[in-house]
Structures are given as C-alpha cells and as structure tokens.
Amino acid sequence: MTHEQNQQLLKTLHECMEACNHCFDACLKEDDVKMMADCIRTDRECADMCAFLEQAVTRDSPFVKELAGVCATICEACGKECQKHDHDHCQECAKACFECAEACRAAA
C-alpha cells in the first residue's frame, strides 16, 4: 500500500472506532438496554478491531492483510446490527462500519 492509501485507511479505521465507541456509549443510555445488547457487543468488537488494525498499520505489521480481512468481517457485522436500530447514533455507526469494511476489503 502507498503512504496515501495507508493514511486513508488509518483515517477510516479511526472514524469507525470513534463511531462505534459513541454508539456503544449511547446504547448504554437507552431505556431498553437489553434490546441493544447485540448492538453494544458488536460496537465493542468493532471498535477494538479497528484500533488494533490501526496500530498494526502504523507499525507496518506483516499481518495487515489478514487483519484487514478480519476487520472487514467485523465491521460488516456491526454495520448490519446497527442498521436494525432507528437511533441516529446507530445509523451513523452503520454508515461508518460499512465504509470501513469496504476500505478493509481493499487493504486485504
């Protein structure tokens, strides 16, 4: 990957991590937290994976392609889960997750 491609991937990963963390926090404040359990769970998984991949890219890990494939799978799952909920934070998170999944597939 070129430096510019790396920079764009890092930006996309970071934005997805932030969106997932925001969604996670907002879901915990919803009236029916139990209904949001799967959303909260996938938000955490996705944010953590994006942060890990972001670190791997910055240290030029030899496993970036493999990690990017895993990250794409997790982002896609999180996007699908968040998409089920009408909350603005969930819809924004879904959008960020789908964009990140696409970027990760390109990196894989």
PDB file of N, CA and C in Angstrom:
ATOM      1  N   MET A   1       0.840  -1.186   0.000  1.00  0.00           N
ATOM      2  CA  MET A   1       0.000   0.000   0.000  1.00  0.00           C
ATOM      3  C   MET A   1       0.883   1.247   0.000  1.00  0.00           C
ATOM      4  N   THR A   2       0.428   2.252  -0.715  1.00  0.00           N
ATOM      5  CA  THR A   2       1.154   3.513  -0.735  1.00  0.00           C
ATOM      6  C   THR A   2       0.928   4.264   0.576  1.00  0.00           C
ATOM      7  N   HIS A   3       1.748   5.253   0.797  1.00  0.00           N
ATOM      8  CA  HIS A   3       1.599   6.078   2.005  1.00  0.00           C
ATOM      9  C   HIS A   3       0.210   6.719   2.049  1.00  0.00           C
ATOM     10  N   GLU A   4      -0.252   7.208   0.903  1.00  0.00           N
ATOM     11  CA  GLU A   4      -1.571   7.849   0.843  1.00  0.00           C
ATOM     12  C   GLU A   4      -2.688   6.852   1.154  1.00  0.00           C
ATOM     13  N   GLN A   5      -2.563   5.635   0.641  1.00  0.00           N
ATOM     14  CA  GLN A   5      -3.560   4.598   0.930  1.00  0.00           C
ATOM     15  C   GLN A   5      -3.548   4.254   2.415  1.00  0.00           C
ATOM     16  N   ASN A   6      -2.362   4.152   2.990  1.00  0.00           N
ATOM     17  CA  ASN A   6      -2.252   3.894   4.434  1.00  0.00           C
ATOM     18  C   ASN A   6      -2.922   4.995   5.232  1.00  0.00           C
ATOM     19  N   GLN A   7      -2.674   6.240   4.865  1.00  0.00           N
ATOM     20  CA  GLN A   7      -3.250   7.372   5.585  1.00  0.00           C
ATOM     21  C   GLN A   7      -4.776   7.357   5.507  1.00  0.00           C
ATOM     22  N   GLN A   8      -5.316   7.033   4.342  1.00  0.00           N
ATOM     23  CA  GLN A   8      -6.772   6.982   4.185  1.00  0.00           C
ATOM     24  C   GLN A   8      -7.354   5.829   5.006  1.00  0.00           C
ATOM     25  N   LEU A   9      -6.697   4.687   4.988  1.00  0.00           N
ATOM     26  CA  LEU A   9      -7.158   3.548   5.782  1.00  0.00           C
ATOM     27  C   LEU A   9      -7.131   3.899   7.265  1.00  0.00           C
ATOM     28  N   LEU A  10      -6.050   4.519   7.718  1.00  0.00           N
ATOM     29  CA  LEU A  10      -5.952   4.905   9.132  1.00  0.00           C
ATOM     30  C   LEU A  10      -7.077   5.863   9.514  1.00  0.00           C
ATOM     31  N   LYS A  11      -7.375   6.795   8.655  1.00  0.00           N
ATOM     32  CA  LYS A  11      -8.453   7.762   8.909  1.00  0.00           C
ATOM     33  C   LYS A  11      -9.799   7.046   9.009  1.00  0.00           C
ATOM     34  N   THR A  12     -10.052   6.146   8.083  1.00  0.00           N
ATOM     35  CA  THR A  12     -11.320   5.406   8.055  1.00  0.00           C
ATOM     36  C   THR A  12     -11.449   4.515   9.286  1.00  0.00           C
ATOM     37  N   LEU A  13     -10.377   3.835   9.650  1.00  0.00           N
ATOM     38  CA  LEU A  13     -10.387   2.985  10.852  1.00  0.00           C
ATOM     39  C   LEU A  13     -10.670   3.811  12.097  1.00  0.00           C
ATOM     40  N   HIS A  14     -10.019   4.955  12.193  1.00  0.00           N
ATOM     41  CA  HIS A  14     -10.204   5.797  13.374  1.00  0.00           C
ATOM     42  C   HIS A  14     -11.631   6.337  13.464  1.00  0.00           C
ATOM     43  N   GLU A  15     -12.177   6.750  12.332  1.00  0.00           N
ATOM     44  CA  GLU A  15     -13.550   7.258  12.314  1.00  0.00           C
ATOM     45  C   GLU A  15     -14.542   6.160  12.691  1.00  0.00           C
ATOM     46  N   CYS A  16     -14.302   4.948  12.239  1.00  0.00           N
ATOM     47  CA  CYS A  16     -15.180   3.831  12.585  1.00  0.00           C
ATOM     48  C   CYS A  16     -15.082   3.518  14.067  1.00  0.00           C
ATOM     49  N   MET A  17     -13.859   3.503  14.594  1.00  0.00           N
ATOM     50  CA  MET A  17     -13.679   3.256  16.025  1.00  0.00           C
ATOM     51  C   MET A  17     -14.424   4.303  16.844  1.00  0.00           C
ATOM     52  N   GLU A  18     -14.309   5.560  16.458  1.00  0.00           N
ATOM     53  CA  GLU A  18     -14.999   6.628  17.185  1.00  0.00           C
ATOM     54  C   GLU A  18     -16.513   6.475  17.090  1.00  0.00           C
ATOM     55  N   ALA A  19     -17.020   6.140  15.911  1.00  0.00           N
ATOM     56  CA  ALA A  19     -18.462   5.964  15.734  1.00  0.00           C
ATOM     57  C   ALA A  19     -18.972   4.798  16.583  1.00  0.00           C
ATOM     58  N   CYS A  20     -18.209   3.712  16.610  1.00  0.00           N
ATOM     59  CA  CYS A  20     -18.600   2.555  17.419  1.00  0.00           C
ATOM     60  C   CYS A  20     -18.564   2.879  18.910  1.00  0.00           C
ATOM     61  N   ASN A  21     -17.553   3.598  19.337  1.00  0.00           N
ATOM     62  CA  ASN A  21     -17.483   3.976  20.753  1.00  0.00           C
ATOM     63  C   ASN A  21     -18.632   4.906  21.130  1.00  0.00           C
ATOM     64  N   HIS A  22     -18.959   5.831  20.249  1.00  0.00           N
ATOM     65  CA  HIS A  22     -20.090   6.734  20.513  1.00  0.00           C
ATOM     66  C   HIS A  22     -21.399   5.939  20.567  1.00  0.00           C
ATOM     67  N   CYS A  23     -21.595   5.030  19.618  1.00  0.00           N
ATOM     68  CA  CYS A  23     -22.812   4.213  19.575  1.00  0.00           C
ATOM     69  C   CYS A  23     -22.899   3.338  20.824  1.00  0.00           C
ATOM     70  N   PHE A  24     -21.788   2.720  21.182  1.00  0.00           N
ATOM     71  CA  PHE A  24     -21.718   1.887  22.387  1.00  0.00           C
ATOM     72  C   PHE A  24     -22.186   2.669  23.611  1.00  0.00           C
ATOM     73  N   ASP A  25     -21.628   3.859  23.788  1.00  0.00           N
ATOM     74  CA  ASP A  25     -21.966   4.693  24.930  1.00  0.00           C
ATOM     75  C   ASP A  25     -23.430   5.125  24.892  1.00  0.00           C
ATOM     76  N   ALA A  26     -23.901   5.523  23.714  1.00  0.00           N
ATOM     77  CA  ALA A  26     -25.293   5.967  23.579  1.00  0.00           C
ATOM     78  C   ALA A  26     -26.271   4.815  23.806  1.00  0.00           C
ATOM     79  N   CYS A  27     -25.924   3.627  23.332  1.00  0.00           N
ATOM     80  CA  CYS A  27     -26.794   2.457  23.534  1.00  0.00           C
ATOM     81  C   CYS A  27     -26.938   2.124  25.014  1.00  0.00           C
ATOM     82  N   LEU A  28     -25.871   2.313  25.771  1.00  0.00           N
ATOM     83  CA  LEU A  28     -25.929   2.044  27.205  1.00  0.00           C
ATOM     84  C   LEU A  28     -26.885   2.992  27.926  1.00  0.00           C
ATOM     85  N   LYS A  29     -27.190   4.119  27.306  1.00  0.00           N
ATOM     86  CA  LYS A  29     -28.082   5.108  27.908  1.00  0.00           C
ATOM     87  C   LYS A  29     -29.529   4.978  27.435  1.00  0.00           C
ATOM     88  N   GLU A  30     -29.782   4.023  26.531  1.00  0.00           N
ATOM     89  CA  GLU A  30     -31.149   3.811  26.040  1.00  0.00           C
ATOM     90  C   GLU A  30     -32.009   3.202  27.145  1.00  0.00           C
ATOM     91  N   ASP A  31     -33.317   3.435  27.067  1.00  0.00           N
ATOM     92  CA  ASP A  31     -34.241   2.912  28.069  1.00  0.00           C
ATOM     93  C   ASP A  31     -34.213   1.392  28.133  1.00  0.00           C
ATOM     94  N   ASP A  32     -34.198   0.747  26.972  1.00  0.00           N
ATOM     95  CA  ASP A  32     -34.207  -0.713  26.924  1.00  0.00           C
ATOM     96  C   ASP A  32     -32.825  -1.223  26.519  1.00  0.00           C
ATOM     97  N   VAL A  33     -31.913  -1.231  27.475  1.00  0.00           N
ATOM     98  CA  VAL A  33     -30.533  -1.632  27.197  1.00  0.00           C
ATOM     99  C   VAL A  33     -30.470  -3.084  26.727  1.00  0.00           C
ATOM    100  N   LYS A  34     -31.331  -3.946  27.279  1.00  0.00           N
ATOM    101  CA  LYS A  34     -31.318  -5.355  26.870  1.00  0.00           C
ATOM    102  C   LYS A  34     -31.574  -5.497  25.372  1.00  0.00           C
ATOM    103  N   MET A  35     -32.465  -4.661  24.833  1.00  0.00           N
ATOM    104  CA  MET A  35     -32.753  -4.714  23.402  1.00  0.00           C
ATOM    105  C   MET A  35     -31.521  -4.317  22.583  1.00  0.00           C
ATOM    106  N   MET A  36     -30.633  -3.548  23.187  1.00  0.00           N
ATOM    107  CA  MET A  36     -29.454  -3.035  22.496  1.00  0.00           C
ATOM    108  C   MET A  36     -28.216  -3.909  22.718  1.00  0.00           C
ATOM    109  N   ALA A  37     -28.358  -5.036  23.405  1.00  0.00           N
ATOM    110  CA  ALA A  37     -27.208  -5.859  23.801  1.00  0.00           C
ATOM    111  C   ALA A  37     -26.343  -6.282  22.609  1.00  0.00           C
ATOM    112  N   ASP A  38     -26.956  -6.753  21.533  1.00  0.00           N
ATOM    113  CA  ASP A  38     -26.169  -7.188  20.381  1.00  0.00           C
ATOM    114  C   ASP A  38     -25.464  -6.008  19.722  1.00  0.00           C
ATOM    115  N   CYS A  39     -26.121  -4.872  19.707  1.00  0.00           N
ATOM    116  CA  CYS A  39     -25.514  -3.671  19.143  1.00  0.00           C
ATOM    117  C   CYS A  39     -24.304  -3.257  19.981  1.00  0.00           C
ATOM    118  N   ILE A  40     -24.476  -3.241  21.275  1.00  0.00           N
ATOM    119  CA  ILE A  40     -23.387  -2.882  22.186  1.00  0.00           C
ATOM    120  C   ILE A  40     -22.220  -3.846  22.008  1.00  0.00           C
ATOM    121  N   ARG A  41     -22.516  -5.121  21.948  1.00  0.00           N
ATOM    122  CA  ARG A  41     -21.471  -6.142  21.806  1.00  0.00           C
ATOM    123  C   ARG A  41     -20.690  -5.958  20.509  1.00  0.00           C
ATOM    124  N   THR A  42     -21.390  -5.774  19.395  1.00  0.00           N
ATOM    125  CA  THR A  42     -20.679  -5.633  18.119  1.00  0.00           C
ATOM    126  C   THR A  42     -19.942  -4.295  18.044  1.00  0.00           C
ATOM    127  N   ASP A  43     -20.500  -3.248  18.673  1.00  0.00           N
ATOM    128  CA  ASP A  43     -19.778  -1.970  18.730  1.00  0.00           C
ATOM    129  C   ASP A  43     -18.420  -2.157  19.394  1.00  0.00           C
ATOM    130  N   ARG A  44     -18.387  -2.872  20.508  1.00  0.00           N
ATOM    131  CA  ARG A  44     -17.132  -3.095  21.238  1.00  0.00           C
ATOM    132  C   ARG A  44     -16.149  -3.887  20.387  1.00  0.00           C
ATOM    133  N   GLU A  45     -16.626  -4.970  19.795  1.00  0.00           N
ATOM    134  CA  GLU A  45     -15.758  -5.808  18.957  1.00  0.00           C
ATOM    135  C   GLU A  45     -15.181  -4.998  17.807  1.00  0.00           C
ATOM    136  N   CYS A  46     -16.029  -4.222  17.171  1.00  0.00           N
ATOM    137  CA  CYS A  46     -15.609  -3.448  16.008  1.00  0.00           C
ATOM    138  C   CYS A  46     -14.621  -2.352  16.402  1.00  0.00           C
ATOM    139  N   ALA A  47     -14.926  -1.609  17.444  1.00  0.00           N
ATOM    140  CA  ALA A  47     -14.018  -0.544  17.886  1.00  0.00           C
ATOM    141  C   ALA A  47     -12.647  -1.118  18.246  1.00  0.00           C
ATOM    142  N   ASP A  48     -12.644  -2.224  18.952  1.00  0.00           N
ATOM    143  CA  ASP A  48     -11.374  -2.831  19.353  1.00  0.00           C
ATOM    144  C   ASP A  48     -10.579  -3.327  18.139  1.00  0.00           C
ATOM    145  N   MET A  49     -11.259  -3.944  17.187  1.00  0.00           N
ATOM    146  CA  MET A  49     -10.565  -4.456  16.000  1.00  0.00           C
ATOM    147  C   MET A  49     -10.028  -3.313  15.156  1.00  0.00           C
ATOM    148  N   CYS A  50     -10.811  -2.256  15.005  1.00  0.00           N
ATOM    149  CA  CYS A  50     -10.342  -1.103  14.226  1.00  0.00           C
ATOM    150  C   CYS A  50      -9.114  -0.485  14.884  1.00  0.00           C
ATOM    151  N   ALA A  51      -9.133  -0.361  16.201  1.00  0.00           N
ATOM    152  CA  ALA A  51      -7.991   0.205  16.924  1.00  0.00           C
ATOM    153  C   ALA A  51      -6.762  -0.694  16.765  1.00  0.00           C
ATOM    154  N   PHE A  52      -6.970  -1.991  16.827  1.00  0.00           N
ATOM    155  CA  PHE A  52      -5.849  -2.922  16.680  1.00  0.00           C
ATOM    156  C   PHE A  52      -5.257  -2.844  15.286  1.00  0.00           C
ATOM    157  N   LEU A  53      -6.136  -2.828  14.270  1.00  0.00           N
ATOM    158  CA  LEU A  53      -5.646  -2.745  12.895  1.00  0.00           C
ATOM    159  C   LEU A  53      -4.947  -1.411  12.655  1.00  0.00           C
ATOM    160  N   GLU A  54      -5.480  -0.356  13.230  1.00  0.00           N
ATOM    161  CA  GLU A  54      -4.839   0.957  13.099  1.00  0.00           C
ATOM    162  C   GLU A  54      -3.391   0.874  13.626  1.00  0.00           C
ATOM    163  N   GLN A  55      -3.207   0.251  14.762  1.00  0.00           N
ATOM    164  CA  GLN A  55      -1.870   0.089  15.324  1.00  0.00           C
ATOM    165  C   GLN A  55      -0.999  -0.789  14.422  1.00  0.00           C
ATOM    166  N   ALA A  56      -1.570  -1.864  13.914  1.00  0.00           N
ATOM    167  CA  ALA A  56      -0.813  -2.778  13.054  1.00  0.00           C
ATOM    168  C   ALA A  56      -0.329  -2.070  11.785  1.00  0.00           C
ATOM    169  N   VAL A  57      -1.172  -1.227  11.220  1.00  0.00           N
ATOM    170  CA  VAL A  57      -0.795  -0.486  10.014  1.00  0.00           C
ATOM    171  C   VAL A  57       0.355   0.469  10.333  1.00  0.00           C
ATOM    172  N   THR A  58       0.257   1.169  11.474  1.00  0.00           N
ATOM    173  CA  THR A  58       1.292   2.154  11.807  1.00  0.00           C
ATOM    174  C   THR A  58       2.641   1.517  12.118  1.00  0.00           C
ATOM    175  N   ARG A  59       2.632   0.254  12.534  1.00  0.00           N
ATOM    176  CA  ARG A  59       3.915  -0.404  12.802  1.00  0.00           C
ATOM    177  C   ARG A  59       4.327  -1.317  11.650  1.00  0.00           C
ATOM    178  N   ASP A  60       3.606  -1.209  10.532  1.00  0.00           N
ATOM    179  CA  ASP A  60       3.917  -1.975   9.320  1.00  0.00           C
ATOM    180  C   ASP A  60       3.981  -3.473   9.591  1.00  0.00           C
ATOM    181  N   SER A  61       2.965  -3.948  10.297  1.00  0.00           N
ATOM    182  CA  SER A  61       2.879  -5.370  10.625  1.00  0.00           C
ATOM    183  C   SER A  61       2.817  -6.208   9.352  1.00  0.00           C
ATOM    184  N   PRO A  62       3.462  -7.372   9.363  1.00  0.00           N
ATOM    185  CA  PRO A  62       3.367  -8.257   8.201  1.00  0.00           C
ATOM    186  C   PRO A  62       1.989  -8.930   8.085  1.00  0.00           C
ATOM    187  N   PHE A  63       1.121  -8.701   9.054  1.00  0.00           N
ATOM    188  CA  PHE A  63      -0.188  -9.348   9.077  1.00  0.00           C
ATOM    189  C   PHE A  63      -1.333  -8.397   8.724  1.00  0.00           C
ATOM    190  N   VAL A  64      -1.020  -7.233   8.190  1.00  0.00           N
ATOM    191  CA  VAL A  64      -2.049  -6.233   7.897  1.00  0.00           C
ATOM    192  C   VAL A  64      -3.136  -6.797   6.986  1.00  0.00           C
ATOM    193  N   LYS A  65      -2.751  -7.512   5.948  1.00  0.00           N
ATOM    194  CA  LYS A  65      -3.763  -8.041   5.011  1.00  0.00           C
ATOM    195  C   LYS A  65      -4.717  -9.000   5.708  1.00  0.00           C
ATOM    196  N   GLU A  66      -4.181  -9.885   6.512  1.00  0.00           N
ATOM    197  CA  GLU A  66      -5.023 -10.847   7.220  1.00  0.00           C
ATOM    198  C   GLU A  66      -5.922 -10.141   8.238  1.00  0.00           C
ATOM    199  N   LEU A  67      -5.333  -9.208   8.985  1.00  0.00           N
ATOM    200  CA  LEU A  67      -6.110  -8.459   9.974  1.00  0.00           C
ATOM    201  C   LEU A  67      -7.185  -7.607   9.299  1.00  0.00           C
ATOM    202  N   ALA A  68      -6.860  -7.049   8.154  1.00  0.00           N
ATOM    203  CA  ALA A  68      -7.842  -6.238   7.419  1.00  0.00           C
ATOM    204  C   ALA A  68      -9.030  -7.088   6.985  1.00  0.00           C
ATOM    205  N   GLY A  69      -8.783  -8.338   6.615  1.00  0.00           N
ATOM    206  CA  GLY A  69      -9.879  -9.233   6.247  1.00  0.00           C
ATOM    207  C   GLY A  69     -10.795  -9.505   7.426  1.00  0.00           C
ATOM    208  N   VAL A  70     -10.204  -9.749   8.585  1.00  0.00           N
ATOM    209  CA  VAL A  70     -10.982  -9.974   9.806  1.00  0.00           C
ATOM    210  C   VAL A  70     -11.747  -8.697  10.168  1.00  0.00           C
ATOM    211  N   CYS A  71     -11.077  -7.562  10.078  1.00  0.00           N
ATOM    212  CA  CYS A  71     -11.706  -6.291  10.420  1.00  0.00           C
ATOM    213  C   CYS A  71     -12.907  -6.029   9.499  1.00  0.00           C
ATOM    214  N   ALA A  72     -12.764  -6.331   8.224  1.00  0.00           N
ATOM    215  CA  ALA A  72     -13.879  -6.144   7.281  1.00  0.00           C
ATOM    216  C   ALA A  72     -15.088  -6.970   7.702  1.00  0.00           C
ATOM    217  N   THR A  73     -14.856  -8.197   8.112  1.00  0.00           N
ATOM    218  CA  THR A  73     -15.941  -9.081   8.554  1.00  0.00           C
ATOM    219  C   THR A  73     -16.645  -8.511   9.786  1.00  0.00           C
ATOM    220  N   ILE A  74     -15.856  -8.040  10.747  1.00  0.00           N
ATOM    221  CA  ILE A  74     -16.422  -7.496  11.983  1.00  0.00           C
ATOM    222  C   ILE A  74     -17.163  -6.186  11.709  1.00  0.00           C
ATOM    223  N   CYS A  75     -16.576  -5.319  10.902  1.00  0.00           N
ATOM    224  CA  CYS A  75     -17.242  -4.052  10.556  1.00  0.00           C
ATOM    225  C   CYS A  75     -18.567  -4.303   9.844  1.00  0.00           C
ATOM    226  N   GLU A  76     -18.581  -5.249   8.940  1.00  0.00           N
ATOM    227  CA  GLU A  76     -19.810  -5.591   8.216  1.00  0.00           C
ATOM    228  C   GLU A  76     -20.880  -6.082   9.191  1.00  0.00           C
ATOM    229  N   ALA A  77     -20.492  -6.946  10.122  1.00  0.00           N
ATOM    230  CA  ALA A  77     -21.444  -7.466  11.110  1.00  0.00           C
ATOM    231  C   ALA A  77     -21.973  -6.344  12.002  1.00  0.00           C
ATOM    232  N   CYS A  78     -21.099  -5.453  12.409  1.00  0.00           N
ATOM    233  CA  CYS A  78     -21.515  -4.337  13.260  1.00  0.00           C
ATOM    234  C   CYS A  78     -22.455  -3.412  12.491  1.00  0.00           C
ATOM    235  N   GLY A  79     -22.117  -3.129  11.250  1.00  0.00           N
ATOM    236  CA  GLY A  79     -22.979  -2.283  10.426  1.00  0.00           C
ATOM    237  C   GLY A  79     -24.367  -2.872  10.267  1.00  0.00           C
ATOM    238  N   LYS A  80     -24.431  -4.162  10.044  1.00  0.00           N
ATOM    239  CA  LYS A  80     -25.733  -4.828   9.881  1.00  0.00           C
ATOM    240  C   LYS A  80     -26.547  -4.774  11.173  1.00  0.00           C
ATOM    241  N   GLU A  81     -25.880  -4.947  12.300  1.00  0.00           N
ATOM    242  CA  GLU A  81     -26.579  -4.888  13.584  1.00  0.00           C
ATOM    243  C   GLU A  81     -27.077  -3.472  13.857  1.00  0.00           C
ATOM    244  N   CYS A  82     -26.208  -2.494  13.693  1.00  0.00           N
ATOM    245  CA  CYS A  82     -26.595  -1.103  13.964  1.00  0.00           C
ATOM    246  C   CYS A  82     -27.707  -0.640  13.027  1.00  0.00           C
ATOM    247  N   GLN A  83     -27.680  -1.126  11.819  1.00  0.00           N
ATOM    248  CA  GLN A  83     -28.679  -0.750  10.815  1.00  0.00           C
ATOM    249  C   GLN A  83     -30.099  -1.144  11.244  1.00  0.00           C
ATOM    250  N   LYS A  84     -30.213  -2.113  12.121  1.00  0.00           N
ATOM    251  CA  LYS A  84     -31.520  -2.581  12.587  1.00  0.00           C
ATOM    252  C   LYS A  84     -32.217  -1.570  13.495  1.00  0.00           C
ATOM    253  N   HIS A  85     -31.471  -0.617  14.035  1.00  0.00           N
ATOM    254  CA  HIS A  85     -31.998   0.312  15.029  1.00  0.00           C
ATOM    255  C   HIS A  85     -32.169   1.700  14.427  1.00  0.00           C
ATOM    256  N   ASP A  86     -33.250   2.372  14.796  1.00  0.00           N
ATOM    257  CA  ASP A  86     -33.571   3.675  14.229  1.00  0.00           C
ATOM    258  C   ASP A  86     -32.818   4.841  14.869  1.00  0.00           C
ATOM    259  N   HIS A  87     -32.122   4.610  15.948  1.00  0.00           N
ATOM    260  CA  HIS A  87     -31.409   5.695  16.618  1.00  0.00           C
ATOM    261  C   HIS A  87     -30.388   6.318  15.665  1.00  0.00           C
ATOM    262  N   ASP A  88     -30.242   7.633  15.735  1.00  0.00           N
ATOM    263  CA  ASP A  88     -29.275   8.317  14.882  1.00  0.00           C
ATOM    264  C   ASP A  88     -27.867   7.777  15.084  1.00  0.00           C
ATOM    265  N   HIS A  89     -27.503   7.533  16.340  1.00  0.00           N
ATOM    266  CA  HIS A  89     -26.143   7.045  16.604  1.00  0.00           C
ATOM    267  C   HIS A  89     -25.916   5.679  15.980  1.00  0.00           C
ATOM    268  N   CYS A  90     -26.942   4.849  15.932  1.00  0.00           N
ATOM    269  CA  CYS A  90     -26.808   3.533  15.303  1.00  0.00           C
ATOM    270  C   CYS A  90     -26.687   3.669  13.783  1.00  0.00           C
ATOM    271  N   GLN A  91     -27.478   4.537  13.195  1.00  0.00           N
ATOM    272  CA  GLN A  91     -27.429   4.735  11.747  1.00  0.00           C
ATOM    273  C   GLN A  91     -26.089   5.329  11.320  1.00  0.00           C
ATOM    274  N   GLU A  92     -25.575   6.274  12.095  1.00  0.00           N
ATOM    275  CA  GLU A  92     -24.260   6.858  11.797  1.00  0.00           C
ATOM    276  C   GLU A  92     -23.159   5.815  11.949  1.00  0.00           C
ATOM    277  N   CYS A  93     -23.288   4.984  12.952  1.00  0.00           N
ATOM    278  CA  CYS A  93     -22.312   3.925  13.172  1.00  0.00           C
ATOM    279  C   CYS A  93     -22.340   2.928  12.019  1.00  0.00           C
ATOM    280  N   ALA A  94     -23.525   2.545  11.595  1.00  0.00           N
ATOM    281  CA  ALA A  94     -23.652   1.604  10.480  1.00  0.00           C
ATOM    282  C   ALA A  94     -22.949   2.143   9.240  1.00  0.00           C
ATOM    283  N   LYS A  95     -23.161   3.414   8.961  1.00  0.00           N
ATOM    284  CA  LYS A  95     -22.525   4.040   7.792  1.00  0.00           C
ATOM    285  C   LYS A  95     -21.002   3.966   7.908  1.00  0.00           C
ATOM    286  N   ALA A  96     -20.472   4.326   9.067  1.00  0.00           N
ATOM    287  CA  ALA A  96     -19.021   4.284   9.281  1.00  0.00           C
ATOM    288  C   ALA A  96     -18.486   2.855   9.164  1.00  0.00           C
ATOM    289  N   CYS A  97     -19.250   1.898   9.682  1.00  0.00           N
ATOM    290  CA  CYS A  97     -18.826   0.495   9.632  1.00  0.00           C
ATOM    291  C   CYS A  97     -18.779  -0.029   8.200  1.00  0.00           C
ATOM    292  N   PHE A  98     -19.785   0.295   7.409  1.00  0.00           N
ATOM    293  CA  PHE A  98     -19.805  -0.172   6.024  1.00  0.00           C
ATOM    294  C   PHE A  98     -18.669   0.466   5.219  1.00  0.00           C
ATOM    295  N   GLU A  99     -18.378   1.733   5.466  1.00  0.00           N
ATOM    296  CA  GLU A  99     -17.259   2.402   4.791  1.00  0.00           C
ATOM    297  C   GLU A  99     -15.936   1.756   5.195  1.00  0.00           C
ATOM    298  N   CYS A 100     -15.808   1.445   6.465  1.00  0.00           N
ATOM    299  CA  CYS A 100     -14.585   0.827   6.960  1.00  0.00           C
ATOM    300  C   CYS A 100     -14.426  -0.595   6.410  1.00  0.00           C
ATOM    301  N   ALA A 101     -15.519  -1.335   6.356  1.00  0.00           N
ATOM    302  CA  ALA A 101     -15.467  -2.689   5.812  1.00  0.00           C
ATOM    303  C   ALA A 101     -14.967  -2.661   4.368  1.00  0.00           C
ATOM    304  N   GLU A 102     -15.448  -1.696   3.606  1.00  0.00           N
ATOM    305  CA  GLU A 102     -15.022  -1.552   2.211  1.00  0.00           C
ATOM    306  C   GLU A 102     -13.525  -1.240   2.129  1.00  0.00           C
ATOM    307  N   ALA A 103     -13.062  -0.320   2.965  1.00  0.00           N
ATOM    308  CA  ALA A 103     -11.647   0.050   2.986  1.00  0.00           C
ATOM    309  C   ALA A 103     -10.777  -1.140   3.403  1.00  0.00           C
ATOM    310  N   CYS A 104     -11.258  -1.901   4.371  1.00  0.00           N
ATOM    311  CA  CYS A 104     -10.507  -3.073   4.837  1.00  0.00           C
ATOM    312  C   CYS A 104     -10.456  -4.164   3.771  1.00  0.00           C
ATOM    313  N   ARG A 105     -11.553  -4.359   3.063  1.00  0.00           N
ATOM    314  CA  ARG A 105     -11.540  -5.352   1.981  1.00  0.00           C
ATOM    315  C   ARG A 105     -10.523  -4.953   0.911  1.00  0.00           C
ATOM    316  N   ALA A 106     -10.434  -3.662   0.620  1.00  0.00           N
ATOM    317  CA  ALA A 106      -9.465  -3.188  -0.368  1.00  0.00           C
ATOM    318  C   ALA A 106      -8.025  -3.428   0.119  1.00  0.00           C
ATOM    319  N   ALA A 107      -7.814  -3.283   1.437  1.00  0.00           N
ATOM    320  CA  ALA A 107      -6.483  -3.488   2.008  1.00  0.00           C
ATOM    321  C   ALA A 107      -6.129  -4.975   2.101  1.00  0.00           C
ATOM    322  N   ALA A 108      -7.145  -5.809   2.201  1.00  0.00           N
ATOM    323  CA  ALA A 108      -6.918  -7.246   2.289  1.00  0.00           C
ATOM    324  C   ALA A 108      -6.619  -7.771   0.915  1.00  0.00           C
TER     325      ALA A 108
END
